[in-house]
């Protein structure tokens, strides 16, 4: 590796989508404010808004993906806390439960594409298998440390660090700015008056 991280584009999409679902479907803090995830009837629409190109998600698929998302969040938290063994255990269980397996699929008029699920798998199993496989590839390489949880006060959203130097600590520029402003105010408060 030359100092610049490059996940394969398919893996990058899967990791970014997994992070997006975690951030939408888990309660916690978001940019300094309490966040409550969508529930019940709002769940399918919230998931469809995150999945690239997915027009509709059934309630059954939404509930399955919500369960997967809770496990994926635990993986991000474990990797952020340098608990690789815990993350690997969760991911291995996801791989087994989804039947994740690489294979090549072709849509007419398109080139062959790698997928981590069978053509007959449901939308929820397909995405879950993809997430499990992408996490496996990240954790099984030197890129597992790029799965993080925002370090800003009042925020616990997750991210995939695609920065050149692997120094990202925040889910957004908003959280980075809030943290820097708070640190500046704290330093200013301890200075003697001029």
Protein backbone atom coordinates (compact mmCIF):
# COMPACT_ATOMS: atom_id res chain seq x y z
CA UNK A 1 0.00 0.00 0.00
CA UNK A 2 1.34 3.42 -0.94
CA UNK A 3 -0.04 5.46 1.96
CA UNK A 4 -3.38 6.02 0.26
CA UNK A 5 -6.30 3.81 1.11
CA UNK A 6 -8.27 2.38 -1.73
CA UNK A 7 -11.00 -0.07 -1.00
CA UNK A 8 -12.29 -1.79 -4.12
CA UNK A 9 -15.23 0.31 -5.32
CA UNK A 10 -17.76 -2.46 -4.59
CA UNK A 11 -16.36 -2.97 -1.09
CA UNK A 12 -16.30 0.81 -0.51
CA UNK A 13 -19.97 1.04 -1.47
CA UNK A 14 -20.84 -1.83 0.86
CA UNK A 15 -18.88 -0.32 3.78
CA UNK A 16 -20.32 3.16 3.22
CA UNK A 17 -23.84 1.74 2.96
CA UNK A 18 -23.31 -0.31 6.13
CA UNK A 19 -22.14 2.83 7.98
CA UNK A 20 -25.11 4.75 6.58
CA UNK A 21 -27.56 2.14 7.82
CA UNK A 22 -25.90 2.02 11.24
CA UNK A 23 -26.21 5.79 11.51
CA UNK A 24 -29.86 5.82 10.45
CA UNK A 25 -31.03 2.72 12.34
CA UNK A 26 -29.35 3.03 15.74
CA UNK A 27 -30.29 5.33 18.60
CA UNK A 28 -27.63 7.50 20.18
CA UNK A 29 -26.11 10.90 19.57
CA UNK A 30 -25.88 12.65 16.22
CA UNK A 31 -23.78 15.82 15.93
CA UNK A 32 -24.36 16.75 19.55
CA UNK A 33 -28.07 15.98 19.67
CA UNK A 34 -29.95 12.90 20.83
CA UNK A 35 -31.01 10.70 17.93
CA UNK A 36 -33.88 8.21 17.86
CA UNK A 37 -33.91 5.76 14.97
CA UNK A 38 -37.05 5.26 12.88
CA UNK A 39 -39.37 2.56 14.13
CA UNK A 40 -42.32 0.52 12.87
CA UNK A 41 -43.84 1.74 9.63
CA UNK A 42 -41.05 4.32 9.05
CA UNK A 43 -38.37 1.60 9.00
CA UNK A 44 -38.69 0.35 5.37
CA UNK A 45 -38.64 3.86 3.90
CA UNK A 46 -35.64 4.89 6.04
CA UNK A 47 -33.70 1.84 4.85
CA UNK A 48 -34.67 2.32 1.21
CA UNK A 49 -33.34 5.89 1.41
CA UNK A 50 -29.89 4.55 2.35
CA UNK A 51 -29.63 1.58 -0.03
CA UNK A 52 -28.31 2.62 -3.45
CA UNK A 53 -30.89 2.09 -6.17
CA UNK A 54 -33.39 0.19 -4.02
CA UNK A 55 -36.93 1.33 -4.81
CA UNK A 56 -38.78 -0.47 -2.01
CA UNK A 57 -38.05 -2.50 1.10
CA UNK A 58 -40.66 -4.77 2.69
CA UNK A 59 -41.24 -4.75 6.43
CA UNK A 60 -39.78 -8.26 6.68
CA UNK A 61 -36.61 -7.15 4.85
CA UNK A 62 -36.43 -3.99 6.96
CA UNK A 63 -36.57 -5.96 10.20
CA UNK A 64 -33.87 -8.35 8.96
CA UNK A 65 -31.60 -5.45 7.93
CA UNK A 66 -32.24 -3.67 11.24
CA UNK A 67 -30.98 -6.79 13.04
CA UNK A 68 -27.91 -6.95 10.80
CA UNK A 69 -27.26 -3.28 11.42
CA UNK A 70 -27.09 -3.76 15.18
CA UNK A 71 -24.36 -6.36 14.64
CA UNK A 72 -22.51 -4.12 12.18
CA UNK A 73 -22.54 -1.30 14.75
CA UNK A 74 -20.89 -3.64 17.25
CA UNK A 75 -18.17 -4.35 14.65
CA UNK A 76 -17.46 -0.62 14.17
CA UNK A 77 -17.36 -0.11 17.94
CA UNK A 78 -15.05 -3.09 18.46
CA UNK A 79 -12.65 -1.98 15.72
CA UNK A 80 -12.68 1.60 17.03
CA UNK A 81 -11.84 0.20 20.47
CA UNK A 82 -9.07 -2.00 19.02
CA UNK A 83 -10.97 -5.17 19.94
CA UNK A 84 -10.21 -7.00 16.70
CA UNK A 85 -11.02 -10.44 18.09
CA UNK A 86 -14.52 -9.34 19.11
CA UNK A 87 -15.10 -7.73 15.69
CA UNK A 88 -13.90 -10.85 13.87
CA UNK A 89 -16.18 -13.07 15.93
CA UNK A 90 -19.23 -10.93 15.07
CA UNK A 91 -18.31 -10.78 11.37
CA UNK A 92 -17.68 -14.52 11.15
CA UNK A 93 -21.13 -15.16 12.63
CA UNK A 94 -22.64 -12.77 10.05
CA UNK A 95 -20.83 -14.53 7.20
CA UNK A 96 -22.19 -17.88 8.35
CA UNK A 97 -25.74 -16.68 9.01
CA UNK A 98 -26.03 -14.94 5.62
CA UNK A 99 -24.31 -17.64 3.60
CA UNK A 100 -21.96 -15.00 2.18
CA UNK A 101 -19.94 -16.29 -0.75
CA UNK A 102 -18.23 -14.51 -3.60
CA UNK A 103 -19.52 -15.12 -7.08
CA UNK A 104 -19.69 -13.33 -10.41
CA UNK A 105 -23.05 -12.12 -11.68
CA UNK A 106 -23.87 -10.35 -14.89
CA UNK A 107 -26.75 -8.07 -15.73
CA UNK A 108 -27.42 -8.03 -19.48
CA UNK A 109 -25.36 -5.32 -21.13
CA UNK A 110 -23.08 -4.94 -18.09
CA UNK A 111 -19.68 -6.46 -17.29
CA UNK A 112 -19.31 -9.28 -14.78
CA UNK A 113 -19.61 -8.04 -11.21
CA UNK A 114 -18.59 -9.64 -7.95
CA UNK A 115 -21.41 -10.20 -5.47
CA UNK A 116 -21.33 -11.89 -2.10
CA UNK A 117 -24.76 -13.53 -2.30
CA UNK A 118 -26.72 -15.74 -4.61
CA UNK A 119 -29.09 -14.48 -7.27
CA UNK A 120 -32.03 -16.03 -5.40
CA UNK A 121 -31.24 -14.45 -2.02
CA UNK A 122 -33.63 -11.83 -0.67
CA UNK A 123 -32.69 -8.16 -0.71
CA UNK A 124 -32.01 -8.22 3.04
CA UNK A 125 -29.86 -11.37 2.95
CA UNK A 126 -28.00 -10.05 -0.10
CA UNK A 127 -27.12 -6.74 1.52
CA UNK A 128 -26.30 -8.42 4.84
CA UNK A 129 -23.98 -10.89 3.08
CA UNK A 130 -22.35 -7.98 1.26
CA UNK A 131 -21.80 -6.11 4.52
CA UNK A 132 -20.35 -9.21 6.17
CA UNK A 133 -17.99 -9.79 3.24
CA UNK A 134 -16.86 -6.16 3.05
CA UNK A 135 -16.18 -6.12 6.80
CA UNK A 136 -14.27 -9.39 6.43
CA UNK A 137 -12.08 -7.86 3.73
CA UNK A 138 -11.45 -4.72 5.81
CA UNK A 139 -10.69 -6.50 9.09
CA UNK A 140 -8.68 -9.23 7.37
CA UNK A 141 -6.37 -6.62 5.85
CA UNK A 142 -4.56 -3.64 7.29
CA UNK A 143 -7.68 -1.51 6.67
CA UNK A 144 -9.74 -2.63 9.67
CA UNK A 145 -8.55 0.37 11.67
CA UNK A 146 -10.40 2.56 9.21
CA UNK A 147 -13.75 1.63 10.74
CA UNK A 148 -14.45 4.27 13.38
CA UNK A 149 -16.91 5.86 15.76
CA UNK A 150 -17.14 9.67 15.97
CA UNK A 151 -15.05 11.11 18.81
CA UNK A 152 -17.10 14.31 19.15
CA UNK A 153 -19.00 14.87 22.38
CA UNK A 154 -22.63 13.90 21.99
CA UNK A 155 -22.09 11.91 18.79
CA UNK A 156 -21.66 8.18 18.25
CA UNK A 157 -22.20 7.92 14.49
CA UNK A 158 -19.84 5.58 12.62
CA UNK A 159 -17.68 6.20 9.55
CA UNK A 160 -15.25 4.57 7.15
CA UNK A 161 -11.98 6.51 7.09
CA UNK A 162 -10.88 6.98 3.50
CA UNK A 163 -8.42 9.76 4.36
CA UNK A 164 -4.91 9.56 3.01
CA UNK A 165 -3.24 9.41 6.44
CA UNK A 166 -5.84 7.39 8.36
CA UNK A 167 -6.35 10.21 10.87
CA UNK A 168 -10.10 10.71 10.71
CA UNK A 169 -11.79 10.94 14.11
CA UNK A 170 -15.19 12.42 13.31
CA UNK A 171 -18.26 11.39 11.36
CA UNK A 172 -18.59 14.81 9.74
CA UNK A 173 -17.01 18.23 9.37
CA UNK A 174 -19.75 19.50 11.66
CA UNK A 175 -18.53 17.32 14.53
CA UNK A 176 -14.91 18.19 13.81
CA UNK A 177 -15.75 21.93 13.89
CA UNK A 178 -17.80 21.60 17.09
CA UNK A 179 -14.91 19.80 18.78
CA UNK A 180 -12.31 22.35 17.65
CA UNK A 181 -14.54 25.25 18.73
CA UNK A 182 -15.09 23.67 22.16
CA UNK A 183 -11.33 23.13 22.59
CA UNK A 184 -10.66 26.76 21.60
CA UNK A 185 -13.25 28.03 24.09
CA UNK A 186 -11.75 25.84 26.82
CA UNK A 187 -8.25 27.16 26.12
CA UNK A 188 -9.51 30.75 26.03
CA UNK A 189 -11.29 30.34 29.35
CA UNK A 190 -8.07 29.29 31.10
CA UNK A 191 -6.00 32.22 29.80
CA UNK A 192 -5.53 35.16 32.14
CA UNK A 193 -7.29 38.36 31.03
CA UNK A 194 -5.16 40.81 29.10
